[in-house]
Amino acid sequence: MGWLFTRGSTRADQIANLTKEWERTTEAGITFKSKCLAHCYRGGSFSGVLWTVWERTFASIDGVDWPAERWITCDLLQYKAGFGWGYWEQDERSFPLYFSCPLKYLDMVPIDQYGGNTAWREEVRNYYALAKEIRQARRLAA
C-alpha cells in the first residue's frame, strides 16, 4: 500500500484517525476490539513517524476467547502543500527503515509472547546505543 492523503487534513487529524479505537463483529459472532495503548510522533513540521502500540482482543458469542495480540506500527506522516497530511502504514513485521521507536514500546510487546521482528528490534536498540555514544562524546569534547 502507498501514501493515503486526505484533502485539508492536519497532522493532528491524521494522528487522531490513526490512533482511534475500533470494534467489529463478524457474521460468525466474533468480536474484534483494537485499542491503541501508546503513541508518539517523532519528526518535524512537514514529515515524521507516528509510533503506536496496538492491542487486539477477541470474544465470541459462544464464550470462546482467544489470547490478545499486540504489535507495533510505524506510520510515516507527510504534509503535501496545498493538499494536507497523508500517511503510509507500516508495522514491525515489514522491517521499517526507521528506528526511533521508543524502547518502552518494545517492552510493551514482548517478542516471546506476541512475536515481532527480532532483526528490526536489534536495529532499534543499536540506534539508541549509538545516540547515547554520540551524546557522551559531545559532553567529553565540550
Protein backbone atom coordinates (compact mmCIF):
# COMPACT_ATOMS: atom_id res chain seq x y z
CA MET A 1 0.00 0.00 0.00
CA GLY A 2 1.22 3.53 -0.70
CA TRP A 3 0.53 7.01 0.59
CA LEU A 4 -3.02 7.95 1.60
CA PHE A 5 -3.74 11.69 1.73
CA THR A 6 -6.86 13.43 2.99
CA ARG A 7 -7.53 16.83 1.47
CA GLY A 8 -7.40 19.58 4.09
CA SER A 9 -6.34 17.30 6.93
CA THR A 10 -3.95 18.38 9.66
CA ARG A 11 -1.28 16.33 11.36
CA ALA A 12 -3.50 16.19 14.45
CA ASP A 13 -6.39 14.87 12.30
CA GLN A 14 -4.20 12.10 10.91
CA ILE A 15 -2.86 11.13 14.34
CA ALA A 16 -6.38 11.05 15.81
CA ASN A 17 -7.56 8.88 12.91
CA LEU A 18 -4.59 6.52 13.12
CA THR A 19 -4.92 6.00 16.89
CA LYS A 20 -8.71 5.66 17.10
CA GLU A 21 -10.08 2.55 18.78
CA TRP A 22 -12.40 0.35 16.77
CA GLU A 23 -14.62 -2.68 17.23
CA ARG A 24 -16.20 -5.04 14.71
CA THR A 25 -18.28 -8.18 14.96
CA THR A 26 -18.15 -10.78 12.21
CA GLU A 27 -21.14 -12.72 10.88
CA ALA A 28 -19.85 -15.67 12.93
CA GLY A 29 -20.26 -13.60 16.11
CA ILE A 30 -16.58 -12.99 16.80
CA THR A 31 -15.94 -9.52 18.18
CA PHE A 32 -12.60 -7.86 17.43
CA LYS A 33 -11.61 -4.86 19.54
CA SER A 34 -8.45 -2.91 18.68
CA LYS A 35 -7.09 -0.29 21.05
CA CYS A 36 -4.07 1.99 20.80
CA LEU A 37 -2.12 1.52 24.05
CA ALA A 38 0.54 4.17 23.35
CA HIS A 39 1.61 6.51 20.58
CA CYS A 40 4.14 9.23 19.87
CA TYR A 41 5.13 11.39 16.92
CA ARG A 42 8.79 11.80 16.06
CA GLY A 43 9.57 14.31 13.37
CA GLY A 44 9.31 17.85 12.15
CA SER A 45 6.76 20.29 10.83
CA PHE A 46 6.31 18.62 7.45
CA SER A 47 7.07 14.92 7.97
CA GLY A 48 7.72 12.36 10.65
CA VAL A 49 6.90 8.96 12.09
CA LEU A 50 3.94 8.01 14.26
CA TRP A 51 4.82 5.07 16.50
CA THR A 52 1.91 3.15 18.03
CA VAL A 53 1.39 0.06 20.14
CA TRP A 54 -1.86 -1.76 19.45
CA GLU A 55 -3.73 -4.46 21.31
CA ARG A 56 -6.49 -6.55 19.77
CA THR A 57 -8.80 -8.71 21.83
CA PHE A 58 -11.25 -11.31 20.59
CA ALA A 59 -14.51 -12.64 22.00
CA SER A 60 -17.25 -14.78 20.51
CA ILE A 61 -20.89 -15.21 21.37
CA ASP A 62 -20.30 -18.85 22.31
CA GLY A 63 -17.89 -17.77 25.05
CA VAL A 64 -14.66 -18.85 23.34
CA ASP A 65 -11.93 -16.27 23.91
CA TRP A 66 -8.59 -16.05 22.15
CA PRO A 67 -5.42 -14.55 23.58
CA ALA A 68 -4.85 -10.86 22.93
CA GLU A 69 -2.50 -9.76 20.17
CA ARG A 70 -0.12 -6.81 20.33
CA TRP A 71 2.02 -5.17 17.68
CA ILE A 72 3.98 -2.02 16.89
CA THR A 73 3.17 0.18 13.91
CA CYS A 74 5.29 2.78 12.17
CA ASP A 75 3.15 5.19 10.17
CA LEU A 76 5.04 7.70 8.06
CA LEU A 77 3.32 11.10 8.02
CA GLN A 78 3.91 13.79 5.45
CA TYR A 79 2.47 17.17 4.50
CA LYS A 80 1.77 17.91 0.84
CA ALA A 81 1.47 21.66 0.14
CA GLY A 82 -1.98 22.71 -0.97
CA PHE A 83 -3.43 19.34 -0.08
CA GLY A 84 -2.95 18.24 3.52
CA TRP A 85 -1.43 15.46 5.56
CA GLY A 86 -1.12 11.86 4.50
CA TYR A 87 0.30 8.62 5.85
CA TRP A 88 1.91 5.38 4.79
CA GLU A 89 1.14 2.42 7.07
CA GLN A 90 3.90 0.04 8.11
CA ASP A 91 4.38 -2.32 11.00
CA GLU A 92 7.24 -4.08 12.70
CA ARG A 93 6.89 -7.21 10.56
CA SER A 94 7.76 -5.26 7.39
CA PHE A 95 11.11 -4.11 8.88
CA PRO A 96 10.53 -0.36 8.55
CA LEU A 97 13.72 1.56 7.85
CA TYR A 98 13.06 3.79 10.86
CA PHE A 99 14.46 3.01 14.27
CA SER A 100 13.30 5.80 16.60
CA CYS A 101 10.62 3.58 18.16
CA PRO A 102 10.60 4.19 21.92
CA LEU A 103 12.35 1.35 23.72
CA LYS A 104 9.45 1.05 26.16
CA TYR A 105 7.25 0.08 23.21
CA LEU A 106 9.45 -2.98 22.68
CA ASP A 107 8.84 -3.88 26.32
CA MET A 108 5.07 -3.43 25.87
CA VAL A 109 5.12 -6.03 23.07
CA PRO A 110 7.39 -8.84 24.33
CA ILE A 111 8.60 -10.80 21.33
CA ASP A 112 8.34 -14.15 23.12
CA GLN A 113 4.65 -13.52 23.86
CA TYR A 114 3.42 -11.61 20.80
CA GLY A 115 6.08 -12.19 18.16
CA GLY A 116 7.76 -9.48 16.14
CA ASN A 117 10.85 -8.79 14.08
CA THR A 118 13.99 -9.64 16.03
CA ALA A 119 16.37 -8.06 13.49
CA TRP A 120 14.41 -4.77 13.44
CA ARG A 121 14.31 -4.63 17.24
CA GLU A 122 18.08 -5.08 17.33
CA GLU A 123 18.45 -2.11 14.95
CA VAL A 124 16.22 -0.02 17.24
CA ARG A 125 18.48 -0.87 20.20
CA ASN A 126 21.58 -0.07 18.09
CA TYR A 127 20.04 3.30 17.13
CA TYR A 128 19.67 4.27 20.80
CA ALA A 129 23.11 2.91 21.76
CA LEU A 130 24.74 4.99 19.01
CA ALA A 131 22.77 8.09 20.02
CA LYS A 132 24.00 7.60 23.60
CA GLU A 133 27.61 7.28 22.43
CA ILE A 134 27.30 10.48 20.39
CA ARG A 135 25.86 12.40 23.36
CA GLN A 136 28.66 11.15 25.61
CA ALA A 137 31.33 12.08 23.05
CA ARG A 138 29.88 15.59 22.74
CA ARG A 139 29.94 16.03 26.52
CA LEU A 140 33.58 14.96 26.66
CA ALA A 141 34.51 17.30 23.80
CA ALA A 142 32.83 20.31 25.42
